[in-house]
Amino acid sequence: MSGKLQKAKGLKKSRIGMYVSIGASLFSVVGTVKRGREARREGDMLQLVDVAVSAAGIVTGVALLVRELRRLDIDDVLWDD
């Protein structure tokens, strides 16, 4: 069991793992947009605030993942030297 867990942790820092994480984050945008449209239609200000906070979290998460991808690319270039 420990080997599988170690393998899964390694995937998190890999390029493929980063792309999967970005895709999952962007997929959550669909649900957030639906919730935002429903909140706007109902005029529910509290739900709109919740959607805005969720959207900010998604944007921040994707930005962090992109930064990590760039670091992986820089490490790859430095490794080749």
N, C-alpha and C. Protein backbone atom coordinates (compact mmCIF):
# COMPACT_ATOMS: atom_id res chain seq x y z
N MET A 1 0.82 -1.20 0.00
CA MET A 1 0.00 0.00 0.00
C MET A 1 0.86 1.26 0.00
N SER A 2 1.98 1.20 0.67
CA SER A 2 2.87 2.34 0.76
C SER A 2 3.43 2.73 -0.61
N GLY A 3 3.71 1.74 -1.44
CA GLY A 3 4.23 2.03 -2.78
C GLY A 3 3.23 2.77 -3.64
N LYS A 4 1.96 2.39 -3.55
CA LYS A 4 0.92 3.07 -4.32
C LYS A 4 0.74 4.50 -3.84
N LEU A 5 0.80 4.68 -2.52
CA LEU A 5 0.65 6.02 -1.97
C LEU A 5 1.82 6.90 -2.40
N GLN A 6 3.01 6.35 -2.39
CA GLN A 6 4.19 7.10 -2.82
C GLN A 6 4.09 7.47 -4.29
N LYS A 7 3.57 6.56 -5.10
CA LYS A 7 3.40 6.81 -6.52
C LYS A 7 2.39 7.93 -6.76
N ALA A 8 1.31 7.93 -5.98
CA ALA A 8 0.29 8.97 -6.10
C ALA A 8 0.85 10.32 -5.68
N LYS A 9 1.67 10.36 -4.66
CA LYS A 9 2.28 11.62 -4.24
C LYS A 9 3.24 12.14 -5.30
N GLY A 10 3.93 11.24 -5.97
CA GLY A 10 4.84 11.64 -7.04
C GLY A 10 4.09 12.22 -8.23
N LEU A 11 2.88 11.72 -8.50
CA LEU A 11 2.07 12.23 -9.60
C LEU A 11 1.66 13.67 -9.36
N LYS A 12 1.46 14.03 -8.10
CA LYS A 12 1.04 15.38 -7.78
C LYS A 12 2.07 16.41 -8.23
N LYS A 13 3.34 16.08 -8.15
CA LYS A 13 4.40 17.01 -8.53
C LYS A 13 4.85 16.82 -9.98
N SER A 14 4.27 15.88 -10.69
CA SER A 14 4.66 15.67 -12.08
C SER A 14 3.91 16.61 -13.00
N ARG A 15 4.40 16.73 -14.21
CA ARG A 15 3.75 17.59 -15.20
C ARG A 15 2.34 17.09 -15.52
N ILE A 16 2.18 15.79 -15.65
CA ILE A 16 0.86 15.23 -15.94
C ILE A 16 -0.09 15.51 -14.79
N GLY A 17 0.39 15.36 -13.57
CA GLY A 17 -0.43 15.65 -12.40
C GLY A 17 -0.88 17.10 -12.36
N MET A 18 0.02 17.99 -12.76
CA MET A 18 -0.32 19.41 -12.80
C MET A 18 -1.42 19.68 -13.83
N TYR A 19 -1.29 19.06 -15.01
CA TYR A 19 -2.32 19.25 -16.03
C TYR A 19 -3.66 18.69 -15.59
N VAL A 20 -3.65 17.57 -14.90
CA VAL A 20 -4.89 16.99 -14.38
C VAL A 20 -5.50 17.92 -13.35
N SER A 21 -4.69 18.48 -12.49
CA SER A 21 -5.19 19.41 -11.47
C SER A 21 -5.78 20.67 -12.10
N ILE A 22 -5.10 21.20 -13.13
CA ILE A 22 -5.62 22.38 -13.82
C ILE A 22 -6.96 22.05 -14.49
N GLY A 23 -7.02 20.88 -15.13
CA GLY A 23 -8.28 20.47 -15.77
C GLY A 23 -9.40 20.32 -14.78
N ALA A 24 -9.12 19.74 -13.62
CA ALA A 24 -10.15 19.58 -12.59
C ALA A 24 -10.61 20.94 -12.08
N SER A 25 -9.66 21.86 -11.91
CA SER A 25 -10.03 23.19 -11.45
C SER A 25 -10.90 23.91 -12.48
N LEU A 26 -10.51 23.80 -13.74
CA LEU A 26 -11.30 24.46 -14.78
C LEU A 26 -12.67 23.80 -14.96
N PHE A 27 -12.74 22.50 -14.70
CA PHE A 27 -14.02 21.80 -14.79
C PHE A 27 -14.98 22.31 -13.72
N SER A 28 -14.45 22.71 -12.57
CA SER A 28 -15.31 23.23 -11.50
C SER A 28 -15.90 24.60 -11.86
N VAL A 29 -15.33 25.25 -12.86
CA VAL A 29 -15.87 26.53 -13.32
C VAL A 29 -17.30 26.35 -13.82
N VAL A 30 -17.58 25.22 -14.46
CA VAL A 30 -18.92 24.97 -15.01
C VAL A 30 -19.97 25.04 -13.91
N GLY A 31 -19.72 24.35 -12.80
CA GLY A 31 -20.66 24.37 -11.69
C GLY A 31 -20.79 25.74 -11.06
N THR A 32 -19.67 26.45 -10.98
CA THR A 32 -19.69 27.78 -10.39
C THR A 32 -20.50 28.74 -11.25
N VAL A 33 -20.35 28.65 -12.56
CA VAL A 33 -21.11 29.51 -13.47
C VAL A 33 -22.60 29.20 -13.36
N LYS A 34 -22.95 27.92 -13.28
CA LYS A 34 -24.36 27.55 -13.13
C LYS A 34 -24.93 28.12 -11.84
N ARG A 35 -24.17 28.00 -10.75
CA ARG A 35 -24.63 28.54 -9.48
C ARG A 35 -24.78 30.06 -9.55
N GLY A 36 -23.87 30.71 -10.26
CA GLY A 36 -23.92 32.16 -10.41
C GLY A 36 -25.15 32.61 -11.19
N ARG A 37 -25.45 31.88 -12.26
CA ARG A 37 -26.64 32.23 -13.05
C ARG A 37 -27.91 32.05 -12.23
N GLU A 38 -27.96 30.96 -11.48
CA GLU A 38 -29.14 30.70 -10.65
C GLU A 38 -29.28 31.76 -9.56
N ALA A 39 -28.18 32.14 -8.94
CA ALA A 39 -28.21 33.15 -7.89
C ALA A 39 -28.64 34.50 -8.45
N ARG A 40 -28.15 34.83 -9.64
CA ARG A 40 -28.52 36.09 -10.26
C ARG A 40 -30.01 36.10 -10.62
N ARG A 41 -30.49 34.96 -11.14
CA ARG A 41 -31.89 34.85 -11.51
C ARG A 41 -32.80 35.01 -10.29
N GLU A 42 -32.37 34.41 -9.17
CA GLU A 42 -33.16 34.49 -7.94
C GLU A 42 -32.93 35.78 -7.17
N GLY A 43 -31.88 36.52 -7.52
CA GLY A 43 -31.56 37.75 -6.81
C GLY A 43 -30.98 37.50 -5.42
N ASP A 44 -30.34 36.36 -5.24
CA ASP A 44 -29.79 35.97 -3.94
C ASP A 44 -28.37 36.50 -3.82
N MET A 45 -28.22 37.58 -3.07
CA MET A 45 -26.93 38.24 -2.94
C MET A 45 -25.91 37.37 -2.20
N LEU A 46 -26.36 36.62 -1.21
CA LEU A 46 -25.44 35.77 -0.46
C LEU A 46 -24.85 34.67 -1.34
N GLN A 47 -25.67 34.10 -2.19
CA GLN A 47 -25.18 33.09 -3.12
C GLN A 47 -24.21 33.71 -4.13
N LEU A 48 -24.50 34.92 -4.57
CA LEU A 48 -23.59 35.60 -5.50
C LEU A 48 -22.23 35.85 -4.86
N VAL A 49 -22.23 36.23 -3.59
CA VAL A 49 -20.96 36.42 -2.88
C VAL A 49 -20.22 35.09 -2.78
N ASP A 50 -20.96 34.01 -2.50
CA ASP A 50 -20.35 32.68 -2.41
C ASP A 50 -19.74 32.28 -3.75
N VAL A 51 -20.43 32.56 -4.83
CA VAL A 51 -19.92 32.25 -6.16
C VAL A 51 -18.66 33.07 -6.45
N ALA A 52 -18.66 34.34 -6.06
CA ALA A 52 -17.49 35.19 -6.30
C ALA A 52 -16.27 34.66 -5.52
N VAL A 53 -16.49 34.24 -4.28
CA VAL A 53 -15.40 33.69 -3.48
C VAL A 53 -14.91 32.38 -4.09
N SER A 54 -15.82 31.55 -4.55
CA SER A 54 -15.44 30.29 -5.20
C SER A 54 -14.64 30.55 -6.46
N ALA A 55 -15.08 31.52 -7.25
CA ALA A 55 -14.37 31.86 -8.49
C ALA A 55 -12.97 32.38 -8.18
N ALA A 56 -12.84 33.18 -7.13
CA ALA A 56 -11.52 33.68 -6.74
C ALA A 56 -10.61 32.52 -6.33
N GLY A 57 -11.18 31.55 -5.64
CA GLY A 57 -10.41 30.38 -5.24
C GLY A 57 -9.95 29.56 -6.43
N ILE A 58 -10.82 29.43 -7.42
CA ILE A 58 -10.46 28.69 -8.63
C ILE A 58 -9.34 29.40 -9.38
N VAL A 59 -9.46 30.70 -9.54
CA VAL A 59 -8.44 31.49 -10.24
C VAL A 59 -7.10 31.39 -9.51
N THR A 60 -7.14 31.51 -8.20
CA THR A 60 -5.91 31.42 -7.41
C THR A 60 -5.28 30.03 -7.54
N GLY A 61 -6.11 29.00 -7.46
CA GLY A 61 -5.60 27.64 -7.59
C GLY A 61 -4.95 27.38 -8.93
N VAL A 62 -5.59 27.83 -9.99
CA VAL A 62 -5.03 27.65 -11.33
C VAL A 62 -3.73 28.44 -11.48
N ALA A 63 -3.71 29.65 -10.92
CA ALA A 63 -2.48 30.46 -11.00
C ALA A 63 -1.33 29.78 -10.27
N LEU A 64 -1.61 29.18 -9.12
CA LEU A 64 -0.57 28.46 -8.38
C LEU A 64 -0.08 27.24 -9.16
N LEU A 65 -0.99 26.53 -9.79
CA LEU A 65 -0.60 25.37 -10.57
C LEU A 65 0.23 25.75 -11.79
N VAL A 66 -0.16 26.84 -12.45
CA VAL A 66 0.61 27.32 -13.61
C VAL A 66 2.01 27.74 -13.18
N ARG A 67 2.09 28.41 -12.03
CA ARG A 67 3.42 28.80 -11.52
C ARG A 67 4.28 27.57 -11.25
N GLU A 68 3.69 26.54 -10.67
CA GLU A 68 4.43 25.31 -10.41
C GLU A 68 4.86 24.63 -11.70
N LEU A 69 3.98 24.67 -12.72
CA LEU A 69 4.36 24.11 -14.03
C LEU A 69 5.56 24.85 -14.61
N ARG A 70 5.55 26.16 -14.48
CA ARG A 70 6.68 26.95 -14.99
C ARG A 70 7.96 26.59 -14.25
N ARG A 71 7.84 26.38 -12.94
CA ARG A 71 9.02 25.98 -12.18
C ARG A 71 9.53 24.62 -12.64
N LEU A 72 8.62 23.70 -12.94
CA LEU A 72 9.04 22.41 -13.45
C LEU A 72 9.77 22.56 -14.77
N ASP A 73 9.28 23.46 -15.64
CA ASP A 73 9.93 23.70 -16.92
C ASP A 73 11.33 24.29 -16.72
N ILE A 74 11.46 25.21 -15.79
CA ILE A 74 12.77 25.82 -15.51
C ILE A 74 13.72 24.76 -14.96
N ASP A 75 13.22 23.92 -14.05
CA ASP A 75 14.05 22.85 -13.50
C ASP A 75 14.50 21.90 -14.59
N ASP A 76 13.62 21.60 -15.56
CA ASP A 76 13.97 20.71 -16.66
C ASP A 76 15.08 21.31 -17.52
N VAL A 77 14.98 22.60 -17.77
CA VAL A 77 16.00 23.28 -18.58
C VAL A 77 17.33 23.30 -17.84
N LEU A 78 17.30 23.59 -16.55
CA LEU A 78 18.53 23.60 -15.76
C LEU A 78 19.12 22.21 -15.64
N TRP A 79 18.28 21.20 -15.59
CA TRP A 79 18.74 19.83 -15.47
C TRP A 79 19.49 19.38 -16.72
N ASP A 80 19.06 19.89 -17.88
CA ASP A 80 19.68 19.49 -19.15
C ASP A 80 21.11 20.00 -19.28
N ASP A 81 21.43 21.12 -18.61
CA ASP A 81 22.78 21.71 -18.75
C ASP A 81 23.82 20.87 -18.19
